[in-house]
Amino acid sequence: MKMLCLPPGVKEKREQLLRYLERWGIDTEKIQDFELFLCAFVHKSYASDFKEPYLHNERLEFVGDAALGAVIAKALFLNFPGMQESTMTLYKIALVREETLAEVAQKIGLNQQIFISKGEEKNKGREKASITSDALEALIGYLYLDMGFDVAEKFVLENIYPKVKEIAKMPVKSYKTMAQEKVQKEYKVLPTYKNFEKEVDNKGNVLLYTAEIWAGEVHLATGEGTNKKKAQEDAAKNYYDQDNG
């Protein structure tokens, strides 16, 4: 099996990218895998510009997403000892969502360091949230894999976690609100809910409700709860988490 290598033009930017990391307080003397380091800056569109298959940062995004989630979860747990799990979940969603990461990527100039295709350059790819947020996750993934969790954690806490101050000043959205926004975006309709009594005791008291969330005639997800409101919130969460969990 042929080992993939970096696309043409990437290695030539090594010194520039090293200086970029140093600007954000990262000790580049700790780098062990320079190929992995450079790979973090290669968007798959750039690698696809060539006939031969080349390395790109998509796999690092996968690792970075998990590492980012772990850092944010730990920080919320330690810094908000009285916060309920459901609220911590909403804070975490707000901190790791595409829009937040894209803002950070722009702020730290990461969008100017990545390699993207000629087509994406023409289409203002450096301003696209999907590309810049993925690049940030890839960089975090690299830091975690090659330099250790502590380095990745420090980077996240210094550059992404401070956004929690903005989030704390705004009403935290419920899953029903976020699910509604997602349904409107994908189906152009408002979601509806259907409620059912799942468990009833011998006195006729409802012990457990089931709720279904629908977009028109499309069934999206099902949830459960001890009352209708909780069941609907659970259904909304299950639907929202299908692509965002």
Protein backbone atom coordinates (compact mmCIF):
# COMPACT_ATOMS: atom_id res chain seq x y z
CA MET A 1 0.00 0.00 0.00
CA LYS A 2 1.42 3.36 -1.04
CA MET A 3 1.98 5.82 1.79
CA LEU A 4 0.43 9.21 1.10
CA CYS A 5 2.61 12.30 1.32
CA LEU A 6 2.03 16.03 1.52
CA PRO A 7 0.87 17.89 -1.60
CA PRO A 8 3.37 20.03 -3.54
CA GLY A 9 4.03 23.47 -2.10
CA VAL A 10 3.31 22.63 1.54
CA LYS A 11 6.79 21.86 2.85
CA GLU A 12 8.04 25.17 1.48
CA LYS A 13 5.84 26.99 4.02
CA ARG A 14 7.27 25.13 7.02
CA GLU A 15 9.16 28.08 8.52
CA GLN A 16 6.19 30.41 8.06
CA LEU A 17 3.88 27.96 9.82
CA LEU A 18 6.36 27.42 12.64
CA ARG A 19 6.45 31.16 13.27
CA TYR A 20 2.66 31.18 13.21
CA LEU A 21 2.49 28.61 16.03
CA GLU A 22 5.11 30.49 18.04
CA ARG A 23 2.98 33.63 17.77
CA TRP A 24 0.34 31.83 19.83
CA GLY A 25 2.72 30.66 22.52
CA ILE A 26 3.33 27.13 21.25
CA ASP A 27 6.84 25.77 21.76
CA THR A 28 7.75 24.44 18.32
CA GLU A 29 10.81 22.71 19.79
CA LYS A 30 8.38 20.06 21.02
CA ILE A 31 7.26 19.12 17.50
CA GLN A 32 8.06 15.48 16.78
CA ASP A 33 6.17 14.82 13.54
CA PHE A 34 6.68 17.67 11.09
CA GLU A 35 4.65 15.98 8.37
CA LEU A 36 1.66 15.72 10.69
CA PHE A 37 2.21 19.35 11.69
CA LEU A 38 2.09 20.55 8.08
CA CYS A 39 -0.82 18.26 7.27
CA ALA A 40 -2.96 20.16 9.79
CA PHE A 41 -2.98 23.16 7.44
CA VAL A 42 -3.96 21.27 4.26
CA HIS A 43 -7.66 21.41 3.40
CA LYS A 44 -8.90 18.47 1.36
CA SER A 45 -9.79 20.79 -1.53
CA TYR A 46 -6.10 21.65 -1.95
CA ALA A 47 -5.07 17.99 -1.95
CA SER A 48 -7.79 17.29 -4.53
CA ASP A 49 -6.28 19.81 -6.95
CA PHE A 50 -3.66 17.21 -7.89
CA LYS A 51 -4.05 13.96 -9.81
CA GLU A 52 -2.18 11.90 -7.21
CA PRO A 53 -3.82 11.31 -3.80
CA TYR A 54 -2.20 13.41 -1.07
CA LEU A 55 -2.53 13.91 2.66
CA HIS A 56 -5.00 16.45 4.02
CA ASN A 57 -6.32 17.41 7.44
CA GLU A 58 -9.74 15.70 7.49
CA ARG A 59 -8.63 12.89 9.82
CA LEU A 60 -7.07 15.43 12.16
CA GLU A 61 -10.41 17.25 12.29
CA PHE A 62 -11.94 14.07 13.69
CA VAL A 63 -9.37 13.91 16.49
CA GLY A 64 -9.55 17.64 17.12
CA ASP A 65 -13.32 17.55 17.49
CA ALA A 66 -13.01 14.96 20.26
CA ALA A 67 -10.12 16.72 22.00
CA LEU A 68 -11.91 20.07 21.86
CA GLY A 69 -15.04 18.55 23.36
CA ALA A 70 -13.06 17.00 26.21
CA VAL A 71 -11.30 20.29 27.04
CA ILE A 72 -14.51 22.30 27.00
CA ALA A 73 -16.38 19.72 29.09
CA LYS A 74 -13.59 19.70 31.70
CA ALA A 75 -13.45 23.50 31.85
CA LEU A 76 -17.20 23.85 32.27
CA PHE A 77 -17.25 21.19 34.98
CA LEU A 78 -14.47 22.87 36.97
CA ASN A 79 -15.51 26.50 36.46
CA PHE A 80 -19.27 26.12 36.95
CA PRO A 81 -19.69 23.76 39.94
CA GLY A 82 -23.37 24.62 40.32
CA MET A 83 -24.32 24.25 36.67
CA GLN A 84 -26.67 21.42 35.73
CA GLU A 85 -25.65 18.85 33.13
CA SER A 86 -28.29 20.03 30.67
CA THR A 87 -26.99 23.61 30.81
CA MET A 88 -23.38 22.49 30.51
CA THR A 89 -24.39 20.60 27.38
CA LEU A 90 -25.91 23.73 25.85
CA TYR A 91 -22.82 25.80 26.73
CA LYS A 92 -20.60 23.15 25.17
CA ILE A 93 -22.69 23.11 21.99
CA ALA A 94 -22.40 26.89 21.75
CA LEU A 95 -18.62 26.80 22.25
CA VAL A 96 -17.83 24.08 19.72
CA ARG A 97 -20.36 24.96 17.02
CA GLU A 98 -19.13 25.91 13.56
CA GLU A 99 -19.87 29.62 13.89
CA THR A 100 -17.87 29.97 17.12
CA LEU A 101 -14.86 28.09 15.78
CA ALA A 102 -14.92 30.07 12.54
CA GLU A 103 -14.85 33.34 14.49
CA VAL A 104 -11.83 32.15 16.46
CA ALA A 105 -10.06 30.90 13.33
CA GLN A 106 -10.51 34.32 11.73
CA LYS A 107 -9.39 36.13 14.88
CA ILE A 108 -6.12 34.20 15.16
CA GLY A 109 -5.46 34.41 11.43
CA LEU A 110 -5.61 30.67 10.82
CA ASN A 111 -7.67 31.24 7.68
CA GLN A 112 -4.65 32.95 6.10
CA GLN A 113 -2.32 30.02 6.83
CA ILE A 114 -4.26 27.10 5.37
CA PHE A 115 -3.83 25.55 1.93
CA ILE A 116 -7.05 25.56 -0.11
CA SER A 117 -7.82 24.85 -3.75
CA LYS A 118 -7.78 27.45 -6.52
CA GLY A 119 -11.54 27.06 -6.76
CA GLU A 120 -12.02 27.77 -3.07
CA GLU A 121 -9.72 30.79 -3.35
CA LYS A 122 -11.98 32.19 -6.07
CA ASN A 123 -15.07 31.44 -3.99
CA LYS A 124 -13.67 33.18 -0.88
CA GLY A 125 -12.98 29.88 0.84
CA ARG A 126 -10.86 31.58 3.50
CA GLU A 127 -14.04 33.25 4.72
CA LYS A 128 -16.17 30.09 4.75
CA ALA A 129 -17.08 28.94 8.26
CA SER A 130 -17.07 25.29 7.21
CA ILE A 131 -13.45 25.46 6.04
CA THR A 132 -12.02 27.65 8.79
CA SER A 133 -13.76 25.82 11.65
CA ASP A 134 -12.51 22.49 10.28
CA ALA A 135 -8.98 23.91 10.09
CA LEU A 136 -9.13 24.93 13.74
CA GLU A 137 -10.26 21.45 14.77
CA ALA A 138 -7.46 19.93 12.68
CA LEU A 139 -4.88 22.13 14.39
CA ILE A 140 -6.20 21.10 17.81
CA GLY A 141 -6.07 17.48 16.70
CA TYR A 142 -2.44 17.89 15.67
CA LEU A 143 -1.48 19.55 18.96
CA TYR A 144 -3.10 16.74 20.90
CA LEU A 145 -1.54 13.90 18.90
CA ASP A 146 1.99 15.24 18.53
CA MET A 147 2.51 17.59 21.48
CA GLY A 148 0.14 16.20 24.07
CA PHE A 149 -3.20 16.94 25.69
CA ASP A 150 -1.78 19.71 27.90
CA VAL A 151 -0.62 21.73 24.88
CA ALA A 152 -3.95 21.27 23.10
CA GLU A 153 -5.82 22.16 26.28
CA LYS A 154 -3.80 25.35 26.80
CA PHE A 155 -4.49 26.43 23.22
CA VAL A 156 -8.23 25.82 23.56
CA LEU A 157 -8.48 27.54 26.94
CA GLU A 158 -6.64 30.61 25.68
CA ASN A 159 -8.35 30.98 22.32
CA ILE A 160 -11.77 29.30 22.36
CA TYR A 161 -12.97 28.92 25.94
CA PRO A 162 -12.99 32.71 26.64
CA LYS A 163 -16.06 32.82 24.37
CA VAL A 164 -17.94 31.42 27.37
CA LYS A 165 -18.17 34.97 28.73
CA GLU A 166 -20.21 36.02 25.69
CA ILE A 167 -22.39 32.92 25.91
CA ALA A 168 -23.08 33.51 29.61
CA LYS A 169 -24.50 36.96 28.80
CA MET A 170 -27.01 35.58 26.31
CA PRO A 171 -29.99 33.29 26.84
CA VAL A 172 -28.85 29.72 26.31
CA LYS A 173 -30.94 28.11 23.59
CA SER A 174 -32.91 24.99 24.36
CA TYR A 175 -32.77 21.92 22.16
CA LYS A 176 -36.28 22.73 20.92
CA THR A 177 -35.11 26.13 19.73
CA MET A 178 -32.02 24.73 18.03
CA ALA A 179 -34.03 21.89 16.49
CA GLN A 180 -36.55 24.41 15.15
CA GLU A 181 -33.75 26.43 13.53
CA LYS A 182 -32.33 23.27 11.99
CA VAL A 183 -35.72 22.10 10.67
CA GLN A 184 -36.44 25.51 9.15
CA LYS A 185 -33.05 25.52 7.46
CA GLU A 186 -33.31 21.98 6.09
CA TYR A 187 -37.06 21.60 5.42
CA LYS A 188 -38.32 25.21 5.24
CA VAL A 189 -41.16 24.43 7.68
CA LEU A 190 -41.74 24.64 11.42
CA PRO A 191 -41.42 21.36 13.32
CA THR A 192 -44.43 19.77 14.97
CA TYR A 193 -44.61 17.35 17.90
CA LYS A 194 -46.85 14.37 18.54
CA ASN A 195 -47.25 13.19 22.13
CA PHE A 196 -48.15 9.71 23.36
CA GLU A 197 -48.66 8.13 26.75
CA LYS A 198 -46.11 5.32 26.96
CA GLU A 199 -46.50 4.10 30.53
CA VAL A 200 -49.58 4.45 32.75
CA ASP A 201 -49.98 3.02 36.26
CA ASN A 202 -53.06 1.18 37.51
CA LYS A 203 -54.51 4.46 38.77
CA GLY A 204 -54.37 6.06 35.36
CA ASN A 205 -51.37 8.28 36.13
CA VAL A 206 -49.02 8.74 33.19
CA LEU A 207 -45.50 7.70 34.18
CA LEU A 208 -43.75 8.21 30.86
CA TYR A 209 -44.52 10.15 27.71
CA THR A 210 -43.18 9.67 24.21
CA ALA A 211 -42.84 12.57 21.79
CA GLU A 212 -42.10 12.59 18.08
CA ILE A 213 -40.72 15.54 16.15
CA TRP A 214 -41.91 15.95 12.56
CA ALA A 215 -41.10 18.19 9.59
CA GLY A 216 -44.28 18.03 7.56
CA GLU A 217 -44.74 14.33 6.76
CA VAL A 218 -41.15 13.45 7.70
CA HIS A 219 -40.56 11.80 11.08
CA LEU A 220 -37.26 13.10 12.45
CA ALA A 221 -36.75 11.61 15.91
CA THR A 222 -38.42 10.30 19.07
CA GLY A 223 -37.87 11.16 22.73
CA GLU A 224 -39.13 10.24 26.17
CA GLY A 225 -39.83 12.12 29.39
CA THR A 226 -41.87 12.17 32.56
CA ASN A 227 -43.99 14.97 31.11
CA LYS A 228 -44.82 16.21 27.62
CA LYS A 229 -42.36 19.09 27.77
CA LYS A 230 -39.44 16.85 28.72
CA ALA A 231 -40.39 14.30 26.09
CA GLN A 232 -40.45 16.98 23.39
CA GLU A 233 -37.10 18.38 24.55
CA ASP A 234 -35.63 14.87 24.40
CA ALA A 235 -36.98 14.34 20.89
CA ALA A 236 -35.53 17.69 19.82
CA LYS A 237 -32.17 16.73 21.35
CA ASN A 238 -32.13 13.37 19.57
CA TYR A 239 -32.88 15.07 16.27
CA TYR A 240 -30.31 17.84 16.79
CA ASP A 241 -27.61 15.37 17.85
CA GLN A 242 -27.98 13.33 14.65
CA ASP A 243 -25.52 15.65 12.89
CA ASN A 244 -24.18 17.76 15.74
CA GLY A 245 -23.45 15.31 18.55
